[in-house]
Amino acid sequence: MTMSQPRLVAFLIVPPFVLLDLAGPLDAFHAVIRNFTALEQAAPYRTVVVSEHGGPVETGSGITLHTEPMRALEAMPVDTLIAVGGAVAHRPAVPGEVGEWLRDYAPRVRRVCSVCVGAFILGTAGLLNGRRATTHWLDTAMLQACFPQARVESDPIYVREDPVWTSAGITAGIDLGLALVEDDCGVDVALQAARRLVVFLKRAGGQSQFSPPLQAQVAAGAPFGDLHAWMSERLDGDLSVVRLAEQANMSPRTFARSYLARTGSTPAKAVERMRLEAARFSLLDSDAPLKRIAARVGFGDEQNLRRAFQRQYGVTPVAYRERFGFGV
């Protein structure tokens, strides 16, 4: 990318689709454009919205958008194509012509992405075969049934398997857009875009959209729900596998095996996520020093907190607080 050659991001929409599926990632890129423009610097992106035939396309909320025909992209230097829409009433709704065109066109762009049920567009084009992918949690089973050669995952906010990226539902398109920006321009540019949008650059957890301490209390009978509630009240205490197994009335080996099988996570990773989420809320809601937060949520000292925070969110606790936290 040079100053005179911004990356062209094309959005291919297939009705019916949710407006936010398009507007979220579109505005993520335009937040970057506005930030660069404010600094009187050449913007790193430009965008275009296309549909099968072009012209007016109505969104699920009744708003009509103007689009260019998808074949117009053949004369454009597209860097990234993002597919939006393509399923309704729990069945695919992708015209065969769109799938065939995208199958031929995809090798010409650096990466192809989808937001929410836009994964069905990629699937129709054969782009999910042999790849991990995700979509809105309500539609993961249908996506897997329609495209059995894909490896569909129901929890990730987005899945990257170059050159294909897929995201979960609705607001996850913003997460995808920011992840693409970070991949292109670095974490600082992505953070500034996230701040303009008033969103987190990287949110914890998966599609449940609940923080780990609250997730376990959402529904009676959730895997290890009572244990998670107990853990969330004792983050600064002993949450070793031995102690958790004792609380769950299992042997440590049986507990570790059962926990992984039922939650998809090891107990140690679950404890760390819960502690990180508690630390994140403390950074957002208070001006307490890192040392106190680290002790309160069970990391012991601020170095442990800093390393874990950087690993999970890609930014230090101090930088995170400066951009999103107390007093901002």
Protein backbone atom coordinates (compact mmCIF):
# COMPACT_ATOMS: atom_id res chain seq x y z
CA MET A 1 0.00 0.00 0.00
CA THR A 2 1.30 3.46 -0.87
CA MET A 3 0.02 6.94 -0.20
CA SER A 4 -1.43 7.11 -3.74
CA GLN A 5 -2.92 3.62 -3.75
CA PRO A 6 -5.50 3.05 -1.02
CA ARG A 7 -6.84 -0.47 -0.63
CA LEU A 8 -10.23 -0.92 -2.27
CA VAL A 9 -12.68 -2.81 -0.06
CA ALA A 10 -15.76 -4.07 -1.91
CA PHE A 11 -18.95 -5.16 -0.17
CA LEU A 12 -21.05 -7.68 -2.09
CA ILE A 13 -24.61 -7.71 -0.77
CA VAL A 14 -27.24 -10.34 -1.45
CA PRO A 15 -30.73 -9.51 -0.18
CA PRO A 16 -32.25 -10.08 2.25
CA PHE A 17 -29.66 -8.80 4.67
CA VAL A 18 -29.43 -6.89 7.93
CA LEU A 19 -28.31 -3.29 7.45
CA LEU A 20 -25.86 -3.46 10.36
CA ASP A 21 -24.11 -6.42 8.72
CA LEU A 22 -23.05 -3.96 6.03
CA ALA A 23 -22.93 -0.70 7.97
CA GLY A 24 -20.81 -2.07 10.84
CA PRO A 25 -17.72 -3.16 8.91
CA LEU A 26 -18.22 -0.39 6.35
CA ASP A 27 -18.02 2.21 9.11
CA ALA A 28 -14.99 0.47 10.62
CA PHE A 29 -13.08 1.25 7.42
CA HIS A 30 -14.55 4.73 7.19
CA ALA A 31 -13.52 5.45 10.77
CA VAL A 32 -9.96 4.87 9.59
CA ILE A 33 -10.55 7.08 6.54
CA ARG A 34 -11.92 9.89 8.73
CA ASN A 35 -9.00 9.63 11.17
CA PHE A 36 -6.44 9.87 8.38
CA THR A 37 -8.32 12.72 6.72
CA ALA A 38 -8.42 14.65 10.00
CA LEU A 39 -4.63 14.36 10.13
CA GLU A 40 -4.41 15.51 6.49
CA GLN A 41 -2.93 12.16 5.52
CA ALA A 42 -3.85 10.01 2.54
CA ALA A 43 -6.53 7.53 3.56
CA PRO A 44 -5.49 3.86 3.37
CA TYR A 45 -8.90 2.66 2.15
CA ARG A 46 -11.73 3.38 -0.22
CA THR A 47 -14.95 1.38 -0.44
CA VAL A 48 -17.64 0.33 -2.89
CA VAL A 49 -20.93 -1.55 -2.41
CA VAL A 50 -22.10 -3.93 -5.14
CA SER A 51 -24.97 -6.32 -5.74
CA GLU A 52 -25.75 -8.88 -8.44
CA HIS A 53 -27.26 -6.42 -10.90
CA GLY A 54 -26.56 -3.08 -9.24
CA GLY A 55 -29.11 -0.34 -8.65
CA PRO A 56 -31.34 0.06 -5.58
CA VAL A 57 -31.35 -2.78 -3.02
CA GLU A 58 -33.67 -2.82 -0.04
CA THR A 59 -32.36 -3.82 3.38
CA GLY A 60 -34.26 -5.85 5.94
CA SER A 61 -35.13 -2.62 7.75
CA GLY A 62 -36.72 -1.10 4.65
CA ILE A 63 -33.92 1.32 3.76
CA THR A 64 -32.90 1.33 0.11
CA LEU A 65 -29.22 1.46 -0.83
CA HIS A 66 -27.66 2.29 -4.19
CA THR A 67 -25.23 -0.35 -5.44
CA GLU A 68 -22.97 -0.95 -8.39
CA PRO A 69 -23.24 -4.21 -10.37
CA MET A 70 -20.89 -6.89 -9.06
CA ARG A 71 -19.30 -7.34 -12.48
CA ALA A 72 -18.07 -3.75 -12.31
CA LEU A 73 -15.46 -5.06 -9.84
CA GLU A 74 -13.74 -6.83 -12.71
CA ALA A 75 -12.39 -3.46 -13.82
CA MET A 76 -11.38 -2.38 -10.30
CA PRO A 77 -8.25 -3.17 -8.26
CA VAL A 78 -10.14 -4.79 -5.39
CA ASP A 79 -8.01 -5.72 -2.37
CA THR A 80 -10.70 -7.18 -0.08
CA LEU A 81 -14.20 -8.43 -0.87
CA ILE A 82 -16.71 -8.79 1.96
CA ALA A 83 -19.93 -10.75 1.38
CA VAL A 84 -23.09 -9.76 3.25
CA GLY A 85 -26.47 -11.53 3.28
CA GLY A 86 -27.53 -14.71 1.59
CA ALA A 87 -29.88 -16.60 3.93
CA VAL A 88 -33.49 -16.26 5.04
CA ALA A 89 -35.90 -18.34 7.13
CA HIS A 90 -33.11 -20.79 7.92
CA ARG A 91 -32.33 -21.61 4.31
CA PRO A 92 -29.76 -20.30 1.83
CA ALA A 93 -30.89 -17.54 -0.51
CA VAL A 94 -27.90 -17.07 -2.79
CA PRO A 95 -28.50 -16.89 -6.55
CA GLY A 96 -26.41 -19.43 -8.42
CA GLU A 97 -25.09 -16.71 -10.71
CA VAL A 98 -23.58 -14.92 -7.70
CA GLY A 99 -21.84 -18.06 -6.50
CA GLU A 100 -20.49 -18.87 -9.95
CA TRP A 101 -19.22 -15.33 -10.48
CA LEU A 102 -17.55 -15.22 -7.06
CA ARG A 103 -15.93 -18.63 -7.60
CA ASP A 104 -14.22 -17.26 -10.70
CA TYR A 105 -13.50 -13.82 -9.27
CA ALA A 106 -12.19 -14.69 -5.79
CA PRO A 107 -8.65 -15.67 -6.89
CA ARG A 108 -8.18 -12.11 -8.17
CA VAL A 109 -8.45 -10.48 -4.73
CA ARG A 110 -6.10 -10.71 -1.77
CA ARG A 111 -8.74 -11.85 0.70
CA VAL A 112 -12.43 -12.72 0.72
CA CYS A 113 -14.55 -12.26 3.84
CA SER A 114 -18.12 -12.65 5.04
CA VAL A 115 -20.28 -11.10 7.73
CA CYS A 116 -22.97 -13.19 9.43
CA VAL A 117 -24.96 -15.20 6.86
CA GLY A 118 -22.70 -13.83 4.15
CA ALA A 119 -20.87 -17.10 4.78
CA PHE A 120 -23.55 -18.75 2.62
CA ILE A 121 -22.36 -16.64 -0.31
CA LEU A 122 -18.82 -17.89 0.20
CA GLY A 123 -20.09 -21.43 0.62
CA THR A 124 -22.05 -21.28 -2.62
CA ALA A 125 -18.84 -20.21 -4.35
CA GLY A 126 -17.00 -23.20 -2.87
CA LEU A 127 -14.71 -20.98 -0.79
CA LEU A 128 -15.45 -22.70 2.54
CA ASN A 129 -14.48 -26.19 1.43
CA GLY A 130 -11.80 -27.57 3.73
CA ARG A 131 -11.74 -24.40 5.80
CA ARG A 132 -12.82 -23.38 9.28
CA ALA A 133 -15.68 -20.89 9.19
CA THR A 134 -18.34 -19.29 11.32
CA THR A 135 -21.61 -17.41 10.96
CA HIS A 136 -24.44 -16.22 13.21
CA TRP A 137 -24.87 -18.79 15.98
CA LEU A 138 -28.48 -19.39 14.91
CA ASP A 139 -27.31 -20.49 11.48
CA THR A 140 -24.17 -22.53 12.14
CA ALA A 141 -26.01 -25.85 11.92
CA MET A 142 -27.59 -24.86 8.60
CA LEU A 143 -24.23 -23.66 7.25
CA GLN A 144 -22.63 -26.99 8.15
CA ALA A 145 -25.50 -28.95 6.61
CA CYS A 146 -25.37 -26.94 3.38
CA PHE A 147 -21.58 -27.08 3.06
CA PRO A 148 -20.41 -30.31 4.71
CA GLN A 149 -16.83 -29.83 3.49
CA ALA A 150 -16.52 -26.73 5.69
CA ARG A 151 -15.53 -26.97 9.37
CA VAL A 152 -18.15 -24.71 10.95
CA GLU A 153 -17.54 -23.35 14.45
CA SER A 154 -20.34 -21.76 16.45
CA ASP A 155 -18.53 -19.65 19.04
CA PRO A 156 -15.79 -17.50 17.44
CA ILE A 157 -16.46 -13.83 16.77
CA TYR A 158 -14.49 -14.29 13.57
CA VAL A 159 -12.37 -16.99 11.95
CA ARG A 160 -9.31 -16.29 9.87
CA GLU A 161 -8.13 -18.97 7.49
CA ASP A 162 -6.28 -17.06 4.77
CA PRO A 163 -7.33 -15.91 2.31
CA VAL A 164 -10.84 -16.37 3.73
CA TRP A 165 -12.17 -14.61 6.84
CA THR A 166 -15.69 -15.24 8.20
CA SER A 167 -17.44 -13.51 11.09
CA ALA A 168 -20.32 -14.18 13.42
CA GLY A 169 -23.59 -12.28 13.39
CA ILE A 170 -24.56 -8.62 13.18
CA THR A 171 -22.18 -6.52 15.33
CA ALA A 172 -19.39 -9.08 14.82
CA GLY A 173 -18.94 -7.45 11.43
CA ILE A 174 -17.39 -4.50 13.27
CA ASP A 175 -14.96 -6.87 14.99
CA LEU A 176 -14.09 -8.32 11.61
CA GLY A 177 -13.57 -4.89 10.06
CA LEU A 178 -11.27 -3.79 12.89
CA ALA A 179 -9.32 -7.06 12.68
CA LEU A 180 -8.77 -6.48 8.98
CA VAL A 181 -7.63 -2.93 9.68
CA GLU A 182 -5.23 -4.15 12.35
CA ASP A 183 -3.84 -6.74 9.96
CA ASP A 184 -3.25 -4.05 7.33
CA CYS A 185 -2.28 -0.97 9.31
CA GLY A 186 -1.30 -2.11 12.79
CA VAL A 187 -2.86 -2.03 16.22
CA ASP A 188 -2.60 1.73 16.76
CA VAL A 189 -4.65 2.57 13.66
CA ALA A 190 -7.23 -0.07 14.58
CA LEU A 191 -7.45 1.20 18.16
CA GLN A 192 -8.08 4.76 17.00
CA ALA A 193 -10.83 3.51 14.70
CA ALA A 194 -12.35 1.52 17.56
CA ARG A 195 -12.26 4.59 19.76
CA ARG A 196 -14.05 6.67 17.11
CA LEU A 197 -16.71 3.95 16.89
CA VAL A 198 -16.87 3.64 20.70
CA VAL A 199 -16.32 -0.12 20.60
CA PHE A 200 -13.69 -2.52 21.89
CA LEU A 201 -10.89 -3.45 19.53
CA LYS A 202 -10.98 -7.04 20.76
CA ARG A 203 -13.79 -8.23 22.97
CA ALA A 204 -13.43 -11.28 25.15
CA GLY A 205 -15.47 -14.43 24.78
CA GLY A 206 -17.42 -15.75 21.86
CA GLN A 207 -20.81 -15.25 20.31
CA SER A 208 -22.62 -15.51 23.61
CA GLN A 209 -21.70 -11.83 24.08
CA PHE A 210 -21.62 -12.36 27.86
CA SER A 211 -18.59 -11.78 30.02
CA PRO A 212 -17.22 -15.07 31.44
CA PRO A 213 -18.31 -14.32 35.05
CA LEU A 214 -21.90 -13.75 33.87
CA GLN A 215 -22.02 -16.36 31.14
CA ALA A 216 -22.23 -19.24 33.59
CA GLN A 217 -25.29 -17.78 35.28
CA VAL A 218 -27.34 -17.20 32.12
CA ALA A 219 -29.28 -20.45 32.13
CA ALA A 220 -29.93 -23.15 34.63
CA GLY A 221 -28.23 -26.34 33.62
CA ALA A 222 -25.43 -24.67 31.67
CA PRO A 223 -22.24 -26.75 31.77
CA PHE A 224 -20.61 -26.16 35.15
CA GLY A 225 -22.91 -23.18 35.73
CA ASP A 226 -22.87 -23.42 39.51
CA LEU A 227 -19.11 -23.80 39.51
CA HIS A 228 -18.64 -20.74 37.29
CA ALA A 229 -20.80 -18.65 39.60
CA TRP A 230 -18.71 -19.85 42.55
CA MET A 231 -15.50 -19.02 40.66
CA SER A 232 -16.63 -15.51 39.75
CA GLU A 233 -16.95 -14.66 43.44
CA ARG A 234 -13.45 -15.92 44.28
CA LEU A 235 -11.22 -14.65 41.49
CA ASP A 236 -8.50 -13.66 43.96
CA GLY A 237 -8.49 -17.09 45.58
CA ASP A 238 -7.25 -20.57 44.79
CA LEU A 239 -8.77 -21.60 41.45
CA SER A 240 -6.38 -24.41 40.65
CA VAL A 241 -7.63 -27.56 38.93
CA VAL A 242 -7.37 -29.40 42.23
CA ARG A 243 -9.54 -26.83 44.02
CA LEU A 244 -12.07 -26.62 41.18
CA ALA A 245 -12.30 -30.41 41.00
CA GLU A 246 -12.93 -30.53 44.72
CA GLN A 247 -15.73 -27.98 44.37
CA ALA A 248 -17.21 -29.99 41.49
CA ASN A 249 -16.96 -33.24 43.48
CA MET A 250 -14.68 -34.90 40.92
CA SER A 251 -11.14 -36.15 40.79
CA PRO A 252 -8.77 -33.61 39.17
CA ARG A 253 -8.22 -35.81 36.11
CA THR A 254 -11.92 -36.50 35.57
CA PHE A 255 -12.78 -32.85 36.13
CA ALA A 256 -10.18 -31.57 33.64
CA ARG A 257 -11.32 -34.03 30.98
CA SER A 258 -15.02 -33.34 31.55
CA TYR A 259 -14.57 -29.57 31.64
CA LEU A 260 -12.72 -29.52 28.32
CA ALA A 261 -15.27 -31.80 26.68
CA ARG A 262 -18.28 -29.77 27.85
CA THR A 263 -16.96 -26.21 27.52
CA GLY A 264 -14.29 -26.44 24.84
CA SER A 265 -11.77 -24.83 27.16
CA THR A 266 -9.32 -26.00 29.77
CA PRO A 267 -10.04 -24.92 33.36
CA ALA A 268 -6.87 -22.81 33.40
CA LYS A 269 -7.88 -20.89 30.28
CA ALA A 270 -11.38 -20.34 31.67
CA VAL A 271 -9.97 -18.95 34.90
CA GLU A 272 -7.68 -16.60 33.01
CA ARG A 273 -10.55 -15.34 30.82
CA MET A 274 -12.70 -14.67 33.86
CA ARG A 275 -9.89 -12.78 35.56
CA LEU A 276 -9.11 -10.80 32.43
CA GLU A 277 -12.73 -9.81 31.99
CA ALA A 278 -12.92 -8.66 35.59
CA ALA A 279 -9.70 -6.68 35.08
CA ARG A 280 -11.09 -5.14 31.91
CA PHE A 281 -14.20 -3.89 33.68
CA SER A 282 -12.08 -2.47 36.49
CA LEU A 283 -9.98 -0.58 33.95
CA LEU A 284 -13.11 0.80 32.31
CA ASP A 285 -14.98 1.73 35.46
CA SER A 286 -12.35 2.92 37.93
CA ASP A 287 -9.02 4.68 38.30
CA ALA A 288 -7.62 1.98 40.58
CA PRO A 289 -3.90 1.30 40.02
CA LEU A 290 -2.91 -1.81 38.08
CA LYS A 291 -1.30 -3.33 41.16
CA ARG A 292 -4.58 -3.23 43.04
CA ILE A 293 -6.61 -4.53 40.10
CA ALA A 294 -4.16 -7.39 39.54
CA ALA A 295 -4.44 -8.46 43.17
CA ARG A 296 -8.22 -8.10 43.22
CA VAL A 297 -8.83 -10.33 40.19
CA GLY A 298 -6.25 -12.98 41.05
CA PHE A 299 -3.23 -12.20 38.87
CA GLY A 300 -1.07 -11.49 41.91
CA ASP A 301 1.00 -8.68 40.44
CA GLU A 302 0.70 -6.22 37.58
CA GLN A 303 3.34 -7.96 35.45
CA ASN A 304 1.21 -11.10 35.27
CA LEU A 305 -1.83 -8.99 34.44
CA ARG A 306 0.05 -7.04 31.78
CA ARG A 307 1.31 -10.15 30.01
CA ALA A 308 -2.08 -11.88 30.02
CA PHE A 309 -3.89 -8.71 28.93
CA GLN A 310 -1.49 -8.13 26.04
CA ARG A 311 -1.85 -11.74 24.94
CA GLN A 312 -5.66 -11.68 24.99
CA TYR A 313 -6.44 -8.16 23.73
CA GLY A 314 -3.31 -7.20 21.82
CA VAL A 315 -2.82 -4.04 23.87
CA THR A 316 -1.46 -3.19 27.30
CA PRO A 317 -3.82 -2.43 30.21
CA VAL A 318 -2.53 1.15 30.33
CA ALA A 319 -3.15 1.73 26.61
CA TYR A 320 -6.59 0.13 26.89
CA ARG A 321 -7.56 2.40 29.78
CA GLU A 322 -6.25 5.49 28.00
CA ARG A 323 -8.45 4.82 25.00
CA PHE A 324 -11.60 3.42 26.57
CA GLY A 325 -11.47 3.65 30.32
CA PHE A 326 -12.11 5.76 33.34
CA GLY A 327 -12.27 9.46 32.58
CA VAL A 328 -12.24 9.07 28.79
